[in-house]
Amino acid sequence: MNDETLAQLRAEMVALLPRLRRFARGLAGAPDQADDLVQAACERALRRIDQYQPGTRLDSWMFRIVQTIYLDDRRAAKVRTGEGRIDASLVEEELAFDGGRGLEAHMTYEAVRAAIAKLPEEQRVVLTIVCVEGQSYKEAAAALEIPIGTVMSRLARARAALARMLGESGHALASPAE
């Protein structure tokens, strides 16, 4: 890979950072853990840049790296603790609120965050990449390397589970324009 191509890939990677951080935050829950995930993914991508296929989607490749590192970290944590689970309630608060509306928004955010944390891993990943990141079903399928039908069924199950948990119709989880 020549220097010009490498410089272009690095610039594209920098432009992807906000999207990668949102995706990582959806997986990890806490901002500091999300930042660590993104940093580790960028380091791995730069070390293994020769594995990237020019002409393919850099974002899909990077999302896959973030997800792989997250899953590897979870497996390692299970081995270290011997418990086989991770406490998702350890989340830093970033919301500042003022008055009744702010408190209501904060409570809604906490309820949604807690409900998402209870979803199975595969549903949480698809929900994050489609609803938070705004990718189409086709893009999500490519990024996660799964069939589009699997994306659709996991997303439908995730939305139904959230609606049940939140006691609402799930209107806030509407599909992106396809």
C-alpha atoms as a PDB file:
ATOM      1  CA  MET A   1       0.000   0.000   0.000  1.00  0.00           C
ATOM      2  CA  ASN A   2       1.522   3.315  -1.025  1.00  0.00           C
ATOM      3  CA  ASP A   3       1.937   6.340   1.262  1.00  0.00           C
ATOM      4  CA  GLU A   4      -0.846   8.311  -0.416  1.00  0.00           C
ATOM      5  CA  THR A   5      -3.376   5.485   0.022  1.00  0.00           C
ATOM      6  CA  LEU A   6      -2.295   5.008   3.629  1.00  0.00           C
ATOM      7  CA  ALA A   7      -2.698   8.737   4.348  1.00  0.00           C
ATOM      8  CA  GLN A   8      -6.166   8.687   2.777  1.00  0.00           C
ATOM      9  CA  LEU A   9      -7.204   5.687   4.889  1.00  0.00           C
ATOM     10  CA  ARG A  10      -5.993   7.410   8.047  1.00  0.00           C
ATOM     11  CA  ALA A  11      -8.002  10.526   7.163  1.00  0.00           C
ATOM     12  CA  GLU A  12     -11.113   8.402   6.538  1.00  0.00           C
ATOM     13  CA  MET A  13     -10.538   6.658   9.867  1.00  0.00           C
ATOM     14  CA  VAL A  14     -10.419  10.008  11.663  1.00  0.00           C
ATOM     15  CA  ALA A  15     -13.703  11.009   9.998  1.00  0.00           C
ATOM     16  CA  LEU A  16     -15.259   7.740  11.236  1.00  0.00           C
ATOM     17  CA  LEU A  17     -14.365   8.360  14.891  1.00  0.00           C
ATOM     18  CA  PRO A  18     -17.725   9.890  15.959  1.00  0.00           C
ATOM     19  CA  ARG A  19     -19.647   6.998  14.368  1.00  0.00           C
ATOM     20  CA  LEU A  20     -17.317   4.423  15.885  1.00  0.00           C
ATOM     21  CA  ARG A  21     -17.689   6.034  19.292  1.00  0.00           C
ATOM     22  CA  ARG A  22     -21.508   5.961  19.070  1.00  0.00           C
ATOM     23  CA  PHE A  23     -21.387   2.311  18.080  1.00  0.00           C
ATOM     24  CA  ALA A  24     -18.938   1.487  20.870  1.00  0.00           C
ATOM     25  CA  ARG A  25     -21.072   3.391  23.387  1.00  0.00           C
ATOM     26  CA  GLY A  26     -24.043   1.294  22.328  1.00  0.00           C
ATOM     27  CA  LEU A  27     -22.058  -1.853  22.982  1.00  0.00           C
ATOM     28  CA  ALA A  28     -20.192  -0.902  26.137  1.00  0.00           C
ATOM     29  CA  GLY A  29     -22.614   1.544  27.720  1.00  0.00           C
ATOM     30  CA  ALA A  30     -20.025   3.781  29.389  1.00  0.00           C
ATOM     31  CA  PRO A  31     -18.263   6.645  27.587  1.00  0.00           C
ATOM     32  CA  ASP A  32     -14.807   5.745  28.903  1.00  0.00           C
ATOM     33  CA  GLN A  33     -15.189   2.111  27.850  1.00  0.00           C
ATOM     34  CA  ALA A  34     -16.413   3.252  24.428  1.00  0.00           C
ATOM     35  CA  ASP A  35     -13.359   5.486  24.025  1.00  0.00           C
ATOM     36  CA  ASP A  36     -11.086   2.587  24.992  1.00  0.00           C
ATOM     37  CA  LEU A  37     -12.822   0.348  22.445  1.00  0.00           C
ATOM     38  CA  VAL A  38     -12.432   2.904  19.660  1.00  0.00           C
ATOM     39  CA  GLN A  39      -8.787   3.497  20.524  1.00  0.00           C
ATOM     40  CA  ALA A  40      -8.065  -0.241  20.528  1.00  0.00           C
ATOM     41  CA  ALA A  41      -9.912  -0.651  17.212  1.00  0.00           C
ATOM     42  CA  CYS A  42      -7.931   2.156  15.574  1.00  0.00           C
ATOM     43  CA  GLU A  43      -4.659   0.719  16.859  1.00  0.00           C
ATOM     44  CA  ARG A  44      -5.558  -2.739  15.551  1.00  0.00           C
ATOM     45  CA  ALA A  45      -6.699  -1.343  12.210  1.00  0.00           C
ATOM     46  CA  LEU A  46      -3.460   0.592  11.752  1.00  0.00           C
ATOM     47  CA  ARG A  47      -1.352  -2.429  12.733  1.00  0.00           C
ATOM     48  CA  ARG A  48      -3.270  -4.624  10.302  1.00  0.00           C
ATOM     49  CA  ILE A  49      -3.905  -2.096   7.552  1.00  0.00           C
ATOM     50  CA  ASP A  50      -2.513  -4.590   5.049  1.00  0.00           C
ATOM     51  CA  GLN A  51      -5.600  -6.756   5.719  1.00  0.00           C
ATOM     52  CA  TYR A  52      -7.947  -3.998   4.540  1.00  0.00           C
ATOM     53  CA  GLN A  53      -9.185  -4.555   1.004  1.00  0.00           C
ATOM     54  CA  PRO A  54      -9.035  -1.249  -0.931  1.00  0.00           C
ATOM     55  CA  GLY A  55     -12.337  -0.505  -2.608  1.00  0.00           C
ATOM     56  CA  THR A  56     -14.390  -2.034   0.222  1.00  0.00           C
ATOM     57  CA  ARG A  57     -16.190  -0.111   2.944  1.00  0.00           C
ATOM     58  CA  LEU A  58     -13.814   1.136   5.606  1.00  0.00           C
ATOM     59  CA  ASP A  59     -16.686   1.764   8.033  1.00  0.00           C
ATOM     60  CA  SER A  60     -17.838  -1.858   7.845  1.00  0.00           C
ATOM     61  CA  TRP A  61     -14.307  -3.062   8.472  1.00  0.00           C
ATOM     62  CA  MET A  62     -13.908  -0.721  11.451  1.00  0.00           C
ATOM     63  CA  PHE A  63     -17.316  -1.591  12.962  1.00  0.00           C
ATOM     64  CA  ARG A  64     -16.353  -5.249  12.759  1.00  0.00           C
ATOM     65  CA  ILE A  65     -13.054  -4.559  14.547  1.00  0.00           C
ATOM     66  CA  VAL A  66     -14.858  -2.654  17.328  1.00  0.00           C
ATOM     67  CA  GLN A  67     -17.327  -5.506  17.755  1.00  0.00           C
ATOM     68  CA  THR A  68     -14.583  -8.151  17.769  1.00  0.00           C
ATOM     69  CA  ILE A  69     -12.564  -6.313  20.410  1.00  0.00           C
ATOM     70  CA  TYR A  70     -15.679  -5.823  22.533  1.00  0.00           C
ATOM     71  CA  LEU A  71     -16.545  -9.520  22.373  1.00  0.00           C
ATOM     72  CA  ASP A  72     -12.931 -10.504  23.088  1.00  0.00           C
ATOM     73  CA  ASP A  73     -12.877  -8.191  26.118  1.00  0.00           C
ATOM     74  CA  ARG A  74     -16.135  -9.670  27.426  1.00  0.00           C
ATOM     75  CA  ARG A  75     -14.807 -13.208  27.053  1.00  0.00           C
ATOM     76  CA  ALA A  76     -11.600 -12.242  28.842  1.00  0.00           C
ATOM     77  CA  ALA A  77     -13.569 -10.596  31.669  1.00  0.00           C
ATOM     78  CA  LYS A  78     -15.585 -13.781  32.123  1.00  0.00           C
ATOM     79  CA  VAL A  79     -12.398 -15.782  32.440  1.00  0.00           C
ATOM     80  CA  ARG A  80     -10.785 -13.304  34.859  1.00  0.00           C
ATOM     81  CA  THR A  81     -13.789 -12.977  37.162  1.00  0.00           C
ATOM     82  CA  GLY A  82     -15.106 -16.483  36.841  1.00  0.00           C
ATOM     83  CA  GLU A  83     -18.630 -15.101  37.039  1.00  0.00           C
ATOM     84  CA  GLY A  84     -19.582 -15.215  33.383  1.00  0.00           C
ATOM     85  CA  ARG A  85     -21.351 -11.854  33.468  1.00  0.00           C
ATOM     86  CA  ILE A  86     -20.576  -8.156  33.396  1.00  0.00           C
ATOM     87  CA  ASP A  87     -22.327  -5.519  35.494  1.00  0.00           C
ATOM     88  CA  ALA A  88     -23.952  -3.124  33.031  1.00  0.00           C
ATOM     89  CA  SER A  89     -25.072  -0.745  35.808  1.00  0.00           C
ATOM     90  CA  LEU A  90     -21.626   0.857  36.027  1.00  0.00           C
ATOM     91  CA  VAL A  91     -22.320   3.684  33.614  1.00  0.00           C
ATOM     92  CA  GLU A  92     -21.041   7.236  33.879  1.00  0.00           C
ATOM     93  CA  GLU A  93     -23.657   9.923  33.587  1.00  0.00           C
ATOM     94  CA  GLU A  94     -23.251  12.526  30.870  1.00  0.00           C
ATOM     95  CA  LEU A  95     -26.675  14.125  31.005  1.00  0.00           C
ATOM     96  CA  ALA A  96     -27.058  17.446  32.710  1.00  0.00           C
ATOM     97  CA  PHE A  97     -30.641  18.411  33.365  1.00  0.00           C
ATOM     98  CA  ASP A  98     -32.521  21.432  34.491  1.00  0.00           C
ATOM     99  CA  GLY A  99     -35.944  21.202  36.056  1.00  0.00           C
ATOM    100  CA  GLY A 100     -38.821  18.855  35.373  1.00  0.00           C
ATOM    101  CA  ARG A 101     -38.283  18.325  31.644  1.00  0.00           C
ATOM    102  CA  GLY A 102     -34.618  17.539  32.164  1.00  0.00           C
ATOM    103  CA  LEU A 103     -35.423  15.110  34.940  1.00  0.00           C
ATOM    104  CA  GLU A 104     -38.036  13.384  32.785  1.00  0.00           C
ATOM    105  CA  ALA A 105     -35.592  13.130  29.880  1.00  0.00           C
ATOM    106  CA  HIS A 106     -32.936  11.750  32.216  1.00  0.00           C
ATOM    107  CA  MET A 107     -35.314   9.132  33.590  1.00  0.00           C
ATOM    108  CA  THR A 108     -36.394   8.128  30.081  1.00  0.00           C
ATOM    109  CA  TYR A 109     -32.774   7.875  28.985  1.00  0.00           C
ATOM    110  CA  GLU A 110     -31.961   5.674  31.988  1.00  0.00           C
ATOM    111  CA  ALA A 111     -34.967   3.425  31.343  1.00  0.00           C
ATOM    112  CA  VAL A 112     -34.064   2.984  27.673  1.00  0.00           C
ATOM    113  CA  ARG A 113     -30.369   2.455  28.460  1.00  0.00           C
ATOM    114  CA  ALA A 114     -31.203  -0.179  31.082  1.00  0.00           C
ATOM    115  CA  ALA A 115     -33.645  -1.925  28.733  1.00  0.00           C
ATOM    116  CA  ILE A 116     -31.086  -1.990  25.902  1.00  0.00           C
ATOM    117  CA  ALA A 117     -28.475  -3.414  28.272  1.00  0.00           C
ATOM    118  CA  LYS A 118     -30.841  -6.339  28.984  1.00  0.00           C
ATOM    119  CA  LEU A 119     -31.118  -7.282  25.310  1.00  0.00           C
ATOM    120  CA  PRO A 120     -29.146 -10.262  24.036  1.00  0.00           C
ATOM    121  CA  GLU A 121     -25.805  -9.264  22.533  1.00  0.00           C
ATOM    122  CA  GLU A 122     -26.762  -9.930  18.901  1.00  0.00           C
ATOM    123  CA  GLN A 123     -29.943  -7.826  19.214  1.00  0.00           C
ATOM    124  CA  ARG A 124     -28.125  -4.968  20.976  1.00  0.00           C
ATOM    125  CA  VAL A 125     -25.456  -4.845  18.257  1.00  0.00           C
ATOM    126  CA  VAL A 126     -28.021  -4.704  15.430  1.00  0.00           C
ATOM    127  CA  LEU A 127     -30.180  -2.159  17.271  1.00  0.00           C
ATOM    128  CA  THR A 128     -27.148   0.056  17.852  1.00  0.00           C
ATOM    129  CA  ILE A 129     -25.862  -0.044  14.302  1.00  0.00           C
ATOM    130  CA  VAL A 130     -29.298   0.541  12.710  1.00  0.00           C
ATOM    131  CA  CYS A 131     -31.115   2.813  15.169  1.00  0.00           C
ATOM    132  CA  VAL A 132     -28.238   4.713  16.739  1.00  0.00           C
ATOM    133  CA  GLU A 133     -25.763   4.725  13.878  1.00  0.00           C
ATOM    134  CA  GLY A 134     -28.495   5.076  11.235  1.00  0.00           C
ATOM    135  CA  GLN A 135     -27.209   2.445   8.854  1.00  0.00           C
ATOM    136  CA  SER A 136     -29.622   0.745   6.486  1.00  0.00           C
ATOM    137  CA  TYR A 137     -30.376  -2.940   6.898  1.00  0.00           C
ATOM    138  CA  LYS A 138     -28.146  -3.694   3.922  1.00  0.00           C
ATOM    139  CA  GLU A 139     -25.253  -1.675   5.373  1.00  0.00           C
ATOM    140  CA  ALA A 140     -25.684  -3.304   8.780  1.00  0.00           C
ATOM    141  CA  ALA A 141     -25.719  -6.758   7.208  1.00  0.00           C
ATOM    142  CA  ALA A 142     -22.499  -5.980   5.363  1.00  0.00           C
ATOM    143  CA  ALA A 143     -20.821  -4.468   8.442  1.00  0.00           C
ATOM    144  CA  LEU A 144     -21.763  -7.415  10.660  1.00  0.00           C
ATOM    145  CA  GLU A 145     -21.271 -10.012   7.936  1.00  0.00           C
ATOM    146  CA  ILE A 146     -24.721 -11.541   8.426  1.00  0.00           C
ATOM    147  CA  PRO A 147     -27.688 -11.938   6.046  1.00  0.00           C
ATOM    148  CA  ILE A 148     -30.084  -8.982   5.738  1.00  0.00           C
ATOM    149  CA  GLY A 149     -32.943 -11.203   6.932  1.00  0.00           C
ATOM    150  CA  THR A 150     -31.028 -11.860  10.145  1.00  0.00           C
ATOM    151  CA  VAL A 151     -30.590  -8.121  10.662  1.00  0.00           C
ATOM    152  CA  MET A 152     -34.315  -7.593  10.172  1.00  0.00           C
ATOM    153  CA  SER A 153     -35.369 -10.396  12.526  1.00  0.00           C
ATOM    154  CA  ARG A 154     -32.909  -9.405  15.263  1.00  0.00           C
ATOM    155  CA  LEU A 155     -34.021  -5.792  15.009  1.00  0.00           C
ATOM    156  CA  ALA A 156     -37.691  -6.766  15.152  1.00  0.00           C
ATOM    157  CA  ARG A 157     -37.078  -8.922  18.232  1.00  0.00           C
ATOM    158  CA  ALA A 158     -35.053  -6.126  19.866  1.00  0.00           C
ATOM    159  CA  ARG A 159     -37.774  -3.547  19.230  1.00  0.00           C
ATOM    160  CA  ALA A 160     -40.495  -5.871  20.516  1.00  0.00           C
ATOM    161  CA  ALA A 161     -38.479  -6.642  23.651  1.00  0.00           C
ATOM    162  CA  LEU A 162     -37.832  -2.939  24.292  1.00  0.00           C
ATOM    163  CA  ALA A 163     -41.503  -2.129  23.798  1.00  0.00           C
ATOM    164  CA  ARG A 164     -42.426  -4.806  26.342  1.00  0.00           C
ATOM    165  CA  MET A 165     -39.783  -3.654  28.820  1.00  0.00           C
ATOM    166  CA  LEU A 166     -40.672   0.008  28.482  1.00  0.00           C
ATOM    167  CA  GLY A 167     -44.429  -0.584  28.316  1.00  0.00           C
ATOM    168  CA  GLU A 168     -44.702   1.527  25.184  1.00  0.00           C
ATOM    169  CA  SER A 169     -45.423   0.991  21.504  1.00  0.00           C
ATOM    170  CA  GLY A 170     -41.781   1.531  20.492  1.00  0.00           C
ATOM    171  CA  HIS A 171     -42.429   4.523  18.209  1.00  0.00           C
ATOM    172  CA  ALA A 172     -39.033   6.004  19.092  1.00  0.00           C
ATOM    173  CA  LEU A 173     -37.380   3.005  17.461  1.00  0.00           C
ATOM    174  CA  ALA A 174     -38.743   3.545  13.968  1.00  0.00           C
ATOM    175  CA  SER A 175     -36.893   2.171  10.960  1.00  0.00           C
ATOM    176  CA  PRO A 176     -34.478   4.323   9.010  1.00  0.00           C
ATOM    177  CA  ALA A 177     -35.462   5.249   5.484  1.00  0.00           C
ATOM    178  CA  GLU A 178     -34.532   2.340   3.229  1.00  0.00           C
END
